[in-house]
């Protein structure tokens, strides 16, 4: 006799794509802080900030030709590390000399090569789920109760950056 799988839960996922991606780190961080704060707007019974990933490139440019002569990828697991890495890489005279003959260093933080992703674990009533916030979208996944996504949707409707 073989063992059969028995459905134990219903897991759904919903995605909201923003009309404009986040270009302001402070506004992005404010949304995260609001969701994970003590007085969270969704009335979450439990909320935990999970994995964070921030990526971009720092490009180095020749001072005479303005051509990119090299770039370094930045990957960090907190906003503070991300900001510190960009500051260090754009301010390094050694890297500017190595890649750009003493030229300039610039980040593509606001552009297609930059990604920000934060995952949040939450519980609303008895429904546990994940919120994933990117620069251009927000996903609610793992929920079973349609009231959960309705509550997140209603709150997101009040946030211009999430529309």
C-alpha atoms as a PDB file:
ATOM      1  CA  UNK A   1       0.000   0.000   0.000  1.00  0.00           C
ATOM      2  CA  UNK A   2       1.319   3.446  -0.887  1.00  0.00           C
ATOM      3  CA  UNK A   3       0.918   6.621   1.091  1.00  0.00           C
ATOM      4  CA  UNK A   4      -1.240   9.327  -0.484  1.00  0.00           C
ATOM      5  CA  UNK A   5      -0.872  13.068  -0.264  1.00  0.00           C
ATOM      6  CA  UNK A   6      -3.686  14.776   1.572  1.00  0.00           C
ATOM      7  CA  UNK A   7      -4.271  18.482   1.104  1.00  0.00           C
ATOM      8  CA  UNK A   8      -3.521  20.262   4.369  1.00  0.00           C
ATOM      9  CA  UNK A   9      -3.715  23.896   3.309  1.00  0.00           C
ATOM     10  CA  UNK A  10      -4.611  26.245   0.506  1.00  0.00           C
ATOM     11  CA  UNK A  11      -1.841  28.656  -0.374  1.00  0.00           C
ATOM     12  CA  UNK A  12      -2.507  31.637  -2.643  1.00  0.00           C
ATOM     13  CA  UNK A  13      -0.372  34.407  -4.088  1.00  0.00           C
ATOM     14  CA  UNK A  14      -1.226  37.883  -5.389  1.00  0.00           C
ATOM     15  CA  UNK A  15       0.998  40.533  -6.950  1.00  0.00           C
ATOM     16  CA  UNK A  16       0.584  44.301  -7.295  1.00  0.00           C
ATOM     17  CA  UNK A  17       2.776  46.015  -9.897  1.00  0.00           C
ATOM     18  CA  UNK A  18       3.376  49.702  -9.182  1.00  0.00           C
ATOM     19  CA  UNK A  19       2.865  52.364 -11.840  1.00  0.00           C
ATOM     20  CA  UNK A  20       6.297  53.771 -10.939  1.00  0.00           C
ATOM     21  CA  UNK A  21       9.137  51.994  -9.199  1.00  0.00           C
ATOM     22  CA  UNK A  22      10.634  53.255  -5.963  1.00  0.00           C
ATOM     23  CA  UNK A  23      13.513  55.632  -6.581  1.00  0.00           C
ATOM     24  CA  UNK A  24      13.642  57.043  -3.079  1.00  0.00           C
ATOM     25  CA  UNK A  25      15.181  54.747  -0.473  1.00  0.00           C
ATOM     26  CA  UNK A  26      13.641  56.676   2.428  1.00  0.00           C
ATOM     27  CA  UNK A  27      10.112  56.233   1.025  1.00  0.00           C
ATOM     28  CA  UNK A  28      10.736  52.504   0.456  1.00  0.00           C
ATOM     29  CA  UNK A  29      12.137  52.087   3.965  1.00  0.00           C
ATOM     30  CA  UNK A  30       9.169  54.008   5.430  1.00  0.00           C
ATOM     31  CA  UNK A  31       6.722  51.480   3.923  1.00  0.00           C
ATOM     32  CA  UNK A  32       8.717  48.611   5.446  1.00  0.00           C
ATOM     33  CA  UNK A  33       8.881  50.356   8.823  1.00  0.00           C
ATOM     34  CA  UNK A  34       5.132  50.947   8.746  1.00  0.00           C
ATOM     35  CA  UNK A  35       4.337  47.284   8.050  1.00  0.00           C
ATOM     36  CA  UNK A  36       6.787  45.973  10.658  1.00  0.00           C
ATOM     37  CA  UNK A  37       6.171  48.650  13.292  1.00  0.00           C
ATOM     38  CA  UNK A  38       4.557  48.054  16.659  1.00  0.00           C
ATOM     39  CA  UNK A  39       1.381  49.802  15.508  1.00  0.00           C
ATOM     40  CA  UNK A  40       1.294  48.194  12.067  1.00  0.00           C
ATOM     41  CA  UNK A  41      -1.565  49.400   9.865  1.00  0.00           C
ATOM     42  CA  UNK A  42      -2.866  45.914   9.126  1.00  0.00           C
ATOM     43  CA  UNK A  43      -3.366  44.863  12.741  1.00  0.00           C
ATOM     44  CA  UNK A  44      -0.966  41.973  12.298  1.00  0.00           C
ATOM     45  CA  UNK A  45      -0.794  39.562  15.220  1.00  0.00           C
ATOM     46  CA  UNK A  46       2.793  38.714  14.295  1.00  0.00           C
ATOM     47  CA  UNK A  47       5.251  40.400  11.960  1.00  0.00           C
ATOM     48  CA  UNK A  48       8.913  39.734  11.341  1.00  0.00           C
ATOM     49  CA  UNK A  49      11.350  41.385   8.976  1.00  0.00           C
ATOM     50  CA  UNK A  50      12.993  38.612   6.976  1.00  0.00           C
ATOM     51  CA  UNK A  51      15.589  38.468   4.255  1.00  0.00           C
ATOM     52  CA  UNK A  52      16.706  41.747   2.713  1.00  0.00           C
ATOM     53  CA  UNK A  53      18.719  42.021  -0.490  1.00  0.00           C
ATOM     54  CA  UNK A  54      19.913  45.239  -2.099  1.00  0.00           C
ATOM     55  CA  UNK A  55      21.932  45.201  -5.330  1.00  0.00           C
ATOM     56  CA  UNK A  56      23.409  47.770  -7.685  1.00  0.00           C
ATOM     57  CA  UNK A  57      26.576  48.575  -9.610  1.00  0.00           C
ATOM     58  CA  UNK A  58      29.133  51.317  -9.156  1.00  0.00           C
ATOM     59  CA  UNK A  59      30.575  52.394 -12.491  1.00  0.00           C
ATOM     60  CA  UNK A  60      34.004  53.979 -12.963  1.00  0.00           C
ATOM     61  CA  UNK A  61      34.529  56.490 -15.754  1.00  0.00           C
ATOM     62  CA  UNK A  62      37.628  57.830 -17.507  1.00  0.00           C
ATOM     63  CA  UNK A  63      38.007  61.582 -16.816  1.00  0.00           C
ATOM     64  CA  UNK A  64      39.041  62.363 -20.405  1.00  0.00           C
ATOM     65  CA  UNK A  65      36.587  60.289 -22.431  1.00  0.00           C
ATOM     66  CA  UNK A  66      33.769  59.846 -19.886  1.00  0.00           C
ATOM     67  CA  UNK A  67      33.604  56.206 -20.980  1.00  0.00           C
ATOM     68  CA  UNK A  68      32.924  53.512 -18.408  1.00  0.00           C
ATOM     69  CA  UNK A  69      36.145  51.656 -17.756  1.00  0.00           C
ATOM     70  CA  UNK A  70      34.884  49.253 -15.120  1.00  0.00           C
ATOM     71  CA  UNK A  71      32.149  48.485 -12.650  1.00  0.00           C
ATOM     72  CA  UNK A  72      31.770  46.730  -9.337  1.00  0.00           C
ATOM     73  CA  UNK A  73      28.602  44.960  -8.216  1.00  0.00           C
ATOM     74  CA  UNK A  74      27.288  45.784  -4.755  1.00  0.00           C
ATOM     75  CA  UNK A  75      25.171  43.173  -2.953  1.00  0.00           C
ATOM     76  CA  UNK A  76      24.207  43.848   0.645  1.00  0.00           C
ATOM     77  CA  UNK A  77      21.796  42.311   3.129  1.00  0.00           C
ATOM     78  CA  UNK A  78      20.731  45.467   4.948  1.00  0.00           C
ATOM     79  CA  UNK A  79      20.066  49.063   3.908  1.00  0.00           C
ATOM     80  CA  UNK A  80      22.896  50.293   6.159  1.00  0.00           C
ATOM     81  CA  UNK A  81      25.434  47.913   4.569  1.00  0.00           C
ATOM     82  CA  UNK A  82      24.207  48.894   1.113  1.00  0.00           C
ATOM     83  CA  UNK A  83      24.593  52.612   1.747  1.00  0.00           C
ATOM     84  CA  UNK A  84      28.015  52.157   3.374  1.00  0.00           C
ATOM     85  CA  UNK A  85      29.273  50.034   0.465  1.00  0.00           C
ATOM     86  CA  UNK A  86      28.151  52.585  -2.136  1.00  0.00           C
ATOM     87  CA  UNK A  87      29.790  55.405  -0.185  1.00  0.00           C
ATOM     88  CA  UNK A  88      33.042  53.457   0.139  1.00  0.00           C
ATOM     89  CA  UNK A  89      33.129  52.400  -3.511  1.00  0.00           C
ATOM     90  CA  UNK A  90      32.264  55.802  -4.975  1.00  0.00           C
ATOM     91  CA  UNK A  91      34.717  57.544  -2.646  1.00  0.00           C
ATOM     92  CA  UNK A  92      37.708  55.231  -3.127  1.00  0.00           C
ATOM     93  CA  UNK A  93      40.597  57.034  -4.819  1.00  0.00           C
ATOM     94  CA  UNK A  94      42.318  53.672  -5.327  1.00  0.00           C
ATOM     95  CA  UNK A  95      39.373  52.215  -7.231  1.00  0.00           C
ATOM     96  CA  UNK A  96      38.932  55.398  -9.266  1.00  0.00           C
ATOM     97  CA  UNK A  97      42.608  55.195 -10.221  1.00  0.00           C
ATOM     98  CA  UNK A  98      42.448  51.476 -10.985  1.00  0.00           C
ATOM     99  CA  UNK A  99      39.305  51.654 -13.111  1.00  0.00           C
ATOM    100  CA  UNK A 100      39.139  55.187 -14.409  1.00  0.00           C
ATOM    101  CA  UNK A 101      42.538  56.874 -14.315  1.00  0.00           C
ATOM    102  CA  UNK A 102      41.346  58.979 -11.394  1.00  0.00           C
ATOM    103  CA  UNK A 103      37.974  59.721 -12.981  1.00  0.00           C
ATOM    104  CA  UNK A 104      34.553  59.571 -11.428  1.00  0.00           C
ATOM    105  CA  UNK A 105      32.558  56.798  -9.792  1.00  0.00           C
ATOM    106  CA  UNK A 106      28.780  56.671 -10.015  1.00  0.00           C
ATOM    107  CA  UNK A 107      26.106  54.273  -8.873  1.00  0.00           C
ATOM    108  CA  UNK A 108      23.177  53.030 -10.911  1.00  0.00           C
ATOM    109  CA  UNK A 109      21.132  52.906  -7.716  1.00  0.00           C
ATOM    110  CA  UNK A 110      18.290  54.571  -9.570  1.00  0.00           C
ATOM    111  CA  UNK A 111      18.078  52.525 -12.728  1.00  0.00           C
ATOM    112  CA  UNK A 112      17.364  49.124 -14.143  1.00  0.00           C
ATOM    113  CA  UNK A 113      20.443  47.496 -12.611  1.00  0.00           C
ATOM    114  CA  UNK A 114      19.402  48.242  -9.036  1.00  0.00           C
ATOM    115  CA  UNK A 115      17.156  45.839  -7.133  1.00  0.00           C
ATOM    116  CA  UNK A 116      15.773  46.064  -3.622  1.00  0.00           C
ATOM    117  CA  UNK A 117      13.867  43.168  -2.063  1.00  0.00           C
ATOM    118  CA  UNK A 118      12.563  42.793   1.467  1.00  0.00           C
ATOM    119  CA  UNK A 119      10.554  39.836   2.754  1.00  0.00           C
ATOM    120  CA  UNK A 120       8.239  40.115   5.711  1.00  0.00           C
ATOM    121  CA  UNK A 121       6.569  37.199   7.514  1.00  0.00           C
ATOM    122  CA  UNK A 122       3.184  38.077   8.983  1.00  0.00           C
ATOM    123  CA  UNK A 123       0.084  36.703  10.628  1.00  0.00           C
ATOM    124  CA  UNK A 124      -3.369  38.228  10.342  1.00  0.00           C
ATOM    125  CA  UNK A 125      -5.913  36.427  12.477  1.00  0.00           C
ATOM    126  CA  UNK A 126      -4.991  32.782  11.981  1.00  0.00           C
ATOM    127  CA  UNK A 127      -3.630  33.273   8.445  1.00  0.00           C
ATOM    128  CA  UNK A 128       0.151  33.308   8.068  1.00  0.00           C
ATOM    129  CA  UNK A 129       1.679  34.759   4.899  1.00  0.00           C
ATOM    130  CA  UNK A 130       4.659  36.562   3.351  1.00  0.00           C
ATOM    131  CA  UNK A 131       4.943  40.063   1.915  1.00  0.00           C
ATOM    132  CA  UNK A 132       7.718  40.655  -0.577  1.00  0.00           C
ATOM    133  CA  UNK A 133       8.381  44.296  -1.428  1.00  0.00           C
ATOM    134  CA  UNK A 134      10.479  45.120  -4.480  1.00  0.00           C
ATOM    135  CA  UNK A 135      11.177  48.459  -6.150  1.00  0.00           C
ATOM    136  CA  UNK A 136       8.453  47.819  -8.741  1.00  0.00           C
ATOM    137  CA  UNK A 137       5.993  45.430  -7.089  1.00  0.00           C
ATOM    138  CA  UNK A 138       4.602  43.862  -3.948  1.00  0.00           C
ATOM    139  CA  UNK A 139       3.623  40.211  -3.572  1.00  0.00           C
ATOM    140  CA  UNK A 140       1.481  38.648  -0.870  1.00  0.00           C
ATOM    141  CA  UNK A 141       2.027  34.901  -0.837  1.00  0.00           C
ATOM    142  CA  UNK A 142       1.148  31.871   1.219  1.00  0.00           C
ATOM    143  CA  UNK A 143      -2.197  33.206   2.403  1.00  0.00           C
ATOM    144  CA  UNK A 144      -5.311  31.047   2.535  1.00  0.00           C
ATOM    145  CA  UNK A 145      -7.983  33.559   3.553  1.00  0.00           C
ATOM    146  CA  UNK A 146      -9.053  36.057   0.874  1.00  0.00           C
ATOM    147  CA  UNK A 147      -9.665  38.576   3.685  1.00  0.00           C
ATOM    148  CA  UNK A 148      -5.881  38.687   4.194  1.00  0.00           C
ATOM    149  CA  UNK A 149      -5.088  39.906   0.698  1.00  0.00           C
ATOM    150  CA  UNK A 150      -8.128  42.209   0.840  1.00  0.00           C
ATOM    151  CA  UNK A 151      -6.735  43.867   3.999  1.00  0.00           C
ATOM    152  CA  UNK A 152      -3.274  44.293   2.464  1.00  0.00           C
ATOM    153  CA  UNK A 153      -4.854  45.592  -0.755  1.00  0.00           C
ATOM    154  CA  UNK A 154      -7.036  48.127   1.093  1.00  0.00           C
ATOM    155  CA  UNK A 155      -4.015  49.419   3.032  1.00  0.00           C
ATOM    156  CA  UNK A 156      -1.837  49.560  -0.116  1.00  0.00           C
ATOM    157  CA  UNK A 157      -4.541  51.605  -1.853  1.00  0.00           C
ATOM    158  CA  UNK A 158      -3.918  54.363   0.720  1.00  0.00           C
ATOM    159  CA  UNK A 159      -0.203  54.540  -0.157  1.00  0.00           C
ATOM    160  CA  UNK A 160       0.519  56.490  -3.363  1.00  0.00           C
ATOM    161  CA  UNK A 161       3.902  54.784  -3.773  1.00  0.00           C
ATOM    162  CA  UNK A 162       2.197  51.368  -3.877  1.00  0.00           C
ATOM    163  CA  UNK A 163      -0.217  52.273  -6.684  1.00  0.00           C
END
